[in-house]
Amino acid sequence: VAICRGAASDAPARCAKLSSSTSSHAGAGQVAVQLCAGAKSEGPARCLAALKGHNAHRLSLDQRIDLCRGAASTAPAECLAAVPSSISQDLAVQLCRGAVASNTTAPALCLKASTKPLKHQEEIQVALCAGAQSMGPAECASAAPYSLNASTKARLCESAPSEGPAVCMKQLRSLRLYEDKDLGTAIRLCQGAVGESVAECFEASPRELSHAHRTALCHRAASIAPATCAAAGHNKVSHEVEVALCAGVTSGSPPMDCALTAPYGFSDSDIIALCRHADPRASDCARSAPPSLPASIRARLCARSTSTAPARCAVASPFSMHRPMANAQAHKAEEPVVALCSQAAAPTPGHCASFLARQQGRELVPSLVEYCRTATATPSGVQILRMWWDTDRGDGIFAKSNVHITLQVLDQFGTPMLGDNETIVSATLDSTTSQGAMLEGIRSNVSVAGVVELHYLRFSQDGEFDLHFGIGGNRVQMMRVVVSPHEDDRFGPTGKCGQEFFAKLNSFAPSFAVNSSQLVAGQDHDPLRVQEKVSYMTWPSSLEAMSSCSRILEEAGVRVTSGWGGDLWVWYRPAMEALDTGVGLPTASMDFWTRLGLSSTASARDVRKAYYRQSLVWHPDRWASYPLHRRLAQDAFEVISEAYRQLVSLSSGGAAGK
């Protein structure tokens, strides 16, 4: 029970078992209790078993137990074997009790090397070298100022990794080492120093600071940066603030820069809490925090902050209007706004807390505060910022007209994600209510600064549609859109322009025709087979046509040049007129004979010739350069192809003439 009381593992039991198996003492059980209670490994038992040689035989059982209790290895026993036999048993135990496995004989070697600098004072030598892990303490004592007595050297060099403390002591110029007060300051300052940088820092620090402040400022300094930092704020902040902020600074004076720009009304303790290990970004954060928060809370909120995110988080949270906690409660729990927003990288935790408290009506218990503290913004919705369309016919949306939409990406708490540059938002029509309508244009785009722009969206037909916006395949917003019929819906590819334009064209007389041979030669009197026809339009019809239809005609492939007296000369394919007006255009409503322009008594040879003539007009390859008319020409070609197949089939079955 005594061995295992308070044990964190079975190590004490294993140690006791090993001790009992290797011990020949009558009271082995009591030895195991004294040696192994609280042990973290079998090290104490192994150390006891390793005690051999003259020095070990000089030790009593209690001294052996004292040497090995708490040992992690056999290092104390190995150290003891290297100790000069002239050292008393008690001093030998004190020297080697803390020996480590990485350098088991370091305490003994340190003891031998310190004999001369410490003037053969064994107790002081042991105090210096006990548990030493290197020769550093002895080297330090050898390099220490000769005027120092042995006990002072031991205080200075205890646990020194090198001769650094002695070098530091020698570089001090402003301390009178012959005075006890200054000597004590020098020892406290230089203990643990690795070189002269500590002394240089002390000498460079403001002289108005007390020795205690200068010591606290420069202890273990790696450069004169702490002194430079303190000088930057000297006579601008209190001495306590100088020391608290600048101790440990390795370069520049960022904590002091923070203190000098701290908000008005911050006390010394607030400035220290805000700016220790920080830079001016922390004070920027404190100035941006809700002014209703007390200075102490703003300081803790923005401590070591590298941005204004904690302040923006606090502004977004429901805690921005501070309600002081009761004193008893304040001692038990951290202010919720600090627990929520300190070290926040974005205002998202604040938005999360506001969403839960204000929109869901939930009480912000500590578990919810912790949930929001770790929340990150995820694109989860959109908000329509602007929607407009290309039209000069009122406020309605018309089929085939361009619609433009600007969207704001929202996170899961309904907050705009102003810094988002990677969310893809897409627009689609609900297929269950679209009635075959298609949505064309730039239907998806990536966000830029949280904004997504979708341009040139076009509804293929009129009706009421549900327009859905999606993120990552999930629908996040829906908008009902009412689309009016387009004014050109009942017309051909060039719309109303084609209807009016072709009706106003006049043919040249044959003797004055341009390319007249092209117009009449070899066409079997089929006007649609003419590859290109030229007509003219008289003034002022020409002015009206060009003012409203020039762009659409150019897109359709119609060539227009200026003639005489304001007239226009127009080159176009006659079949274009058929596609725009419907006159002479084969349609699916016609019977097979009519589609090919034949009577029901036509022979199979007539069918083949008619199909050949019609295919020269409507074959899609002939409309490759006319994108506006290509689709309707394809439809016409399919209509005549179907008629040809059916009539050929009837002819081969002996029913072509029926």
Foldseek 3Di string as FASTA:
>chain_A
DLQCVPDPDCALVVLLVLQLVQDPDPPSVVLSSLARRVEPHNALSQLLSLQDDDLSVLDDSVLSSLLRRRGPHNLLNVLLVLAPPVDDSVLSSQQSSQADPVASNASRVLLVLQCVLQVNPNVLSSLQRRNAPHNALSQLSVLAPSPDHNNLSSLQRRNAPHNALRQLLVLADPADCVDPVSVVLSSLQSRRAPHNQLNVLLVLADPVDDSVLSSLQRRNAPHNQLRVLLVVCPPPDDSVLSRLASRPDNDDHFLSQLLNLADPPQDSVLSSLQRRVAGVQLRVLLVLAQPQDDSNLSSLQSHRNPHNALRLLCVLAPCSNPDDDDPVVVVVDPDLSSLQRRVQPHSQLRLQRCLCCPVVVDDCDVVNSVVSSPDDWDFFAKDWPDKDWDDDPDGAAAAPTKIKTKIFTATPSRHGQQQAFAWKKFKAWDPVPLVPKGWDAQGIDTDDSRMDMTIRIGINAFDWIWIFMDTPPHTRDIDIGGHHYDQQPVWFLLGPLLVVVVVQWAADDLVPADPSCLQDPPLVPDRQLRLKGKTKGDPPVLVVSCVPRVVSCVLQVKDWDADPPRMIIIMDRPVVSCRGVVVPQQDLVDALQVLLPHDLQDALVSLVVSLVSLCSRQVLVSCPSGVSCNVVSVNSNVSNVVSSVVLVVCVVVVRNND
